[in-house]
Amino acid sequence: MQITDPIADMLTRIRNAGSAGHETCTVPASKLKAAVGQILVDEGYIESMEVLDEGVQGQLKITLKYHDHKNVIQGIKRISRPGLRVYADAQNMPKVLNGLGIAIVSTSKGVMTDRSARKQNVGGEVLAYIW
C-alpha cells in the first residue's frame, strides 16, 4: 500500500498506540522518521526508539512513555502536509502552548525542535506539534 504522507502515518501510529495503552508500536523506517523519533526521545515524549533491520526497509520500534498510567504525549498534530507545506523563518518560529510543547522543524541543518532552530537562527518546514 502506498502511503502519501509517511510522517503523518508515523504520528498517527504513535497517537493510536498511546490512546490504546500499548507499550510499543512499529513504523516503517526512514532517515526522516528516525530523526523525528530521536527528537521525541531527547525531549522525553517517548521512552526509546530502535531501528530493526527487517526486510528491505526496516522498522522503527518505538517504546511509549507513560506517567500515572497516562500517555506522556497529550497531543500530536501534523502541520505541514503534502498538499499544503508550512514554512517559518527563525524570527517567526511557532511556539506550542507558549513553550510547553515542541514544534519539530526540518531545516537545512537537519531536523530539530523550534527552540534549537531559534537558537541557531535557521528556519524551515514545520513538520509537527507535540505537547
C-alpha atoms as a PDB file:
ATOM      1  CA  MET A   1       0.000   0.000   0.000  1.00  0.00           C
ATOM      2  CA  GLN A   2       1.334   3.414  -0.966  1.00  0.00           C
ATOM      3  CA  ILE A   3       1.353   5.984   1.839  1.00  0.00           C
ATOM      4  CA  THR A   4       1.266   9.576   0.591  1.00  0.00           C
ATOM      5  CA  ASP A   5       2.305  11.150   3.912  1.00  0.00           C
ATOM      6  CA  PRO A   6       4.666   8.863   5.870  1.00  0.00           C
ATOM      7  CA  ILE A   7       5.255  11.374   8.703  1.00  0.00           C
ATOM      8  CA  ALA A   8       1.501  11.686   9.325  1.00  0.00           C
ATOM      9  CA  ASP A   9       1.304   7.876   9.313  1.00  0.00           C
ATOM     10  CA  MET A  10       4.061   7.690  11.951  1.00  0.00           C
ATOM     11  CA  LEU A  11       2.404  10.303  14.168  1.00  0.00           C
ATOM     12  CA  THR A  12      -0.978   8.572  13.820  1.00  0.00           C
ATOM     13  CA  ARG A  13       0.506   5.217  14.811  1.00  0.00           C
ATOM     14  CA  ILE A  14       2.088   6.804  17.905  1.00  0.00           C
ATOM     15  CA  ARG A  15      -1.186   8.576  18.811  1.00  0.00           C
ATOM     16  CA  ASN A  16      -3.268   5.421  18.342  1.00  0.00           C
ATOM     17  CA  ALA A  17      -0.854   3.206  20.304  1.00  0.00           C
ATOM     18  CA  GLY A  18      -0.835   5.707  23.170  1.00  0.00           C
ATOM     19  CA  SER A  19      -4.605   6.023  23.333  1.00  0.00           C
ATOM     20  CA  ALA A  20      -4.965   2.219  23.214  1.00  0.00           C
ATOM     21  CA  GLY A  21      -2.432   1.816  26.043  1.00  0.00           C
ATOM     22  CA  HIS A  22       0.114  -0.186  24.036  1.00  0.00           C
ATOM     23  CA  GLU A  23       3.699  -0.346  25.240  1.00  0.00           C
ATOM     24  CA  THR A  24       5.303  -0.232  21.780  1.00  0.00           C
ATOM     25  CA  CYS A  25       4.464   0.488  18.170  1.00  0.00           C
ATOM     26  CA  THR A  26       6.343  -0.188  14.945  1.00  0.00           C
ATOM     27  CA  VAL A  27       6.712   2.145  11.989  1.00  0.00           C
ATOM     28  CA  PRO A  28       8.396   1.578   8.596  1.00  0.00           C
ATOM     29  CA  ALA A  29      11.855   3.129   8.863  1.00  0.00           C
ATOM     30  CA  SER A  30      13.328   6.132   7.052  1.00  0.00           C
ATOM     31  CA  LYS A  31      16.008   8.676   7.930  1.00  0.00           C
ATOM     32  CA  LEU A  32      13.441  11.450   8.478  1.00  0.00           C
ATOM     33  CA  LYS A  33      11.272   9.284  10.745  1.00  0.00           C
ATOM     34  CA  ALA A  34      14.359   8.213  12.708  1.00  0.00           C
ATOM     35  CA  ALA A  35      15.305  11.884  13.180  1.00  0.00           C
ATOM     36  CA  VAL A  36      11.776  12.740  14.375  1.00  0.00           C
ATOM     37  CA  GLY A  37      11.809   9.745  16.724  1.00  0.00           C
ATOM     38  CA  GLN A  38      15.194  10.763  18.134  1.00  0.00           C
ATOM     39  CA  ILE A  39      13.842  14.238  18.901  1.00  0.00           C
ATOM     40  CA  LEU A  40      10.899  12.646  20.735  1.00  0.00           C
ATOM     41  CA  VAL A  41      13.354  10.553  22.779  1.00  0.00           C
ATOM     42  CA  ASP A  42      15.602  13.549  23.537  1.00  0.00           C
ATOM     43  CA  GLU A  43      12.650  15.700  24.617  1.00  0.00           C
ATOM     44  CA  GLY A  44      11.238  12.925  26.836  1.00  0.00           C
ATOM     45  CA  TYR A  45       7.992  12.222  24.974  1.00  0.00           C
ATOM     46  CA  ILE A  46       8.816   8.573  24.258  1.00  0.00           C
ATOM     47  CA  GLU A  47      10.907   6.078  26.216  1.00  0.00           C
ATOM     48  CA  SER A  48      13.123   4.748  23.422  1.00  0.00           C
ATOM     49  CA  MET A  49      13.398   4.087  19.712  1.00  0.00           C
ATOM     50  CA  GLU A  50      15.395   1.377  17.990  1.00  0.00           C
ATOM     51  CA  VAL A  51      15.939   0.502  14.349  1.00  0.00           C
ATOM     52  CA  LEU A  52      15.118  -3.097  13.438  1.00  0.00           C
ATOM     53  CA  ASP A  53      16.705  -4.230  10.167  1.00  0.00           C
ATOM     54  CA  GLU A  54      13.884  -6.427   8.927  1.00  0.00           C
ATOM     55  CA  GLY A  55      13.351  -6.826   5.200  1.00  0.00           C
ATOM     56  CA  VAL A  56      14.219  -4.172   2.658  1.00  0.00           C
ATOM     57  CA  GLN A  57      13.127  -1.051   4.530  1.00  0.00           C
ATOM     58  CA  GLY A  58      13.414  -1.966   8.195  1.00  0.00           C
ATOM     59  CA  GLN A  59      11.239  -0.919  11.099  1.00  0.00           C
ATOM     60  CA  LEU A  60      11.409   1.611  13.912  1.00  0.00           C
ATOM     61  CA  LYS A  61      10.298   0.131  17.232  1.00  0.00           C
ATOM     62  CA  ILE A  62       9.018   2.960  19.412  1.00  0.00           C
ATOM     63  CA  THR A  63       8.529   2.365  23.143  1.00  0.00           C
ATOM     64  CA  LEU A  64       5.945   4.788  24.521  1.00  0.00           C
ATOM     65  CA  LYS A  65       6.262   6.568  27.847  1.00  0.00           C
ATOM     66  CA  TYR A  66       3.519   6.668  30.492  1.00  0.00           C
ATOM     67  CA  HIS A  67       3.168   8.645  33.733  1.00  0.00           C
ATOM     68  CA  ASP A  68       0.484   7.542  36.230  1.00  0.00           C
ATOM     69  CA  HIS A  69      -0.983   5.241  33.557  1.00  0.00           C
ATOM     70  CA  LYS A  70      -1.479   8.188  31.179  1.00  0.00           C
ATOM     71  CA  ASN A  71       0.425   8.725  27.963  1.00  0.00           C
ATOM     72  CA  VAL A  72       3.067  11.464  28.219  1.00  0.00           C
ATOM     73  CA  ILE A  73       2.082  12.718  24.749  1.00  0.00           C
ATOM     74  CA  GLN A  74      -1.153  14.638  25.337  1.00  0.00           C
ATOM     75  CA  GLY A  75      -1.440  15.832  21.739  1.00  0.00           C
ATOM     76  CA  ILE A  76       0.342  15.316  18.455  1.00  0.00           C
ATOM     77  CA  LYS A  77      -0.564  17.196  15.269  1.00  0.00           C
ATOM     78  CA  ARG A  78       0.839  17.188  11.736  1.00  0.00           C
ATOM     79  CA  ILE A  79       1.266  20.760  10.461  1.00  0.00           C
ATOM     80  CA  SER A  80       2.945  20.728   7.058  1.00  0.00           C
ATOM     81  CA  ARG A  81       1.466  18.168   4.689  1.00  0.00           C
ATOM     82  CA  PRO A  82       1.978  17.271   1.024  1.00  0.00           C
ATOM     83  CA  GLY A  83      -0.954  19.433  -0.110  1.00  0.00           C
ATOM     84  CA  LEU A  84      -0.027  22.459   1.987  1.00  0.00           C
ATOM     85  CA  ARG A  85       3.560  22.991   3.073  1.00  0.00           C
ATOM     86  CA  VAL A  86       4.113  25.303   6.051  1.00  0.00           C
ATOM     87  CA  TYR A  87       7.421  27.141   6.415  1.00  0.00           C
ATOM     88  CA  ALA A  88       8.669  29.503   9.121  1.00  0.00           C
ATOM     89  CA  ASP A  89      11.776  31.612   9.422  1.00  0.00           C
ATOM     90  CA  ALA A  90      13.781  31.886  12.638  1.00  0.00           C
ATOM     91  CA  GLN A  91      12.011  35.058  13.808  1.00  0.00           C
ATOM     92  CA  ASN A  92       8.504  33.663  13.218  1.00  0.00           C
ATOM     93  CA  MET A  93       9.100  30.137  14.536  1.00  0.00           C
ATOM     94  CA  PRO A  94       5.896  28.924  16.234  1.00  0.00           C
ATOM     95  CA  LYS A  95       5.697  28.271  19.979  1.00  0.00           C
ATOM     96  CA  VAL A  96       3.476  25.369  21.018  1.00  0.00           C
ATOM     97  CA  LEU A  97       1.407  26.158  24.141  1.00  0.00           C
ATOM     98  CA  ASN A  98       3.688  29.110  24.939  1.00  0.00           C
ATOM     99  CA  GLY A  99       6.742  26.866  25.087  1.00  0.00           C
ATOM    100  CA  LEU A 100       5.240  23.903  26.962  1.00  0.00           C
ATOM    101  CA  GLY A 101       5.174  21.785  23.794  1.00  0.00           C
ATOM    102  CA  ILE A 102       7.577  21.479  20.879  1.00  0.00           C
ATOM    103  CA  ALA A 103       7.410  22.045  17.150  1.00  0.00           C
ATOM    104  CA  ILE A 104       9.520  19.714  15.010  1.00  0.00           C
ATOM    105  CA  VAL A 105      11.155  21.611  12.160  1.00  0.00           C
ATOM    106  CA  SER A 106      13.058  20.311   9.133  1.00  0.00           C
ATOM    107  CA  THR A 107      15.849  22.817   8.438  1.00  0.00           C
ATOM    108  CA  SER A 108      18.903  22.975   6.215  1.00  0.00           C
ATOM    109  CA  LYS A 109      20.925  21.913   9.284  1.00  0.00           C
ATOM    110  CA  GLY A 110      18.764  18.853   9.947  1.00  0.00           C
ATOM    111  CA  VAL A 111      15.582  18.048  11.844  1.00  0.00           C
ATOM    112  CA  MET A 112      15.338  19.908  15.158  1.00  0.00           C
ATOM    113  CA  THR A 113      12.966  21.480  17.650  1.00  0.00           C
ATOM    114  CA  ASP A 114      11.680  25.035  17.401  1.00  0.00           C
ATOM    115  CA  ARG A 115      13.941  26.088  20.295  1.00  0.00           C
ATOM    116  CA  SER A 116      17.044  24.752  18.564  1.00  0.00           C
ATOM    117  CA  ALA A 117      16.057  26.406  15.278  1.00  0.00           C
ATOM    118  CA  ARG A 118      15.595  29.766  17.026  1.00  0.00           C
ATOM    119  CA  LYS A 119      18.931  29.350  18.810  1.00  0.00           C
ATOM    120  CA  GLN A 120      20.774  28.520  15.561  1.00  0.00           C
ATOM    121  CA  ASN A 121      18.835  31.241  13.680  1.00  0.00           C
ATOM    122  CA  VAL A 122      17.538  28.932  10.931  1.00  0.00           C
ATOM    123  CA  GLY A 123      14.068  28.459   9.503  1.00  0.00           C
ATOM    124  CA  GLY A 124      12.468  25.546   7.729  1.00  0.00           C
ATOM    125  CA  GLU A 125       9.416  23.391   7.232  1.00  0.00           C
ATOM    126  CA  VAL A 126       7.256  22.943  10.341  1.00  0.00           C
ATOM    127  CA  LEU A 127       6.524  19.199  10.428  1.00  0.00           C
ATOM    128  CA  ALA A 128       4.513  18.684  13.626  1.00  0.00           C
ATOM    129  CA  TYR A 129       3.440  19.985  17.030  1.00  0.00           C
ATOM    130  CA  ILE A 130       3.748  17.780  20.111  1.00  0.00           C
ATOM    131  CA  TRP A 131       2.530  18.632  23.612  1.00  0.00           C
END
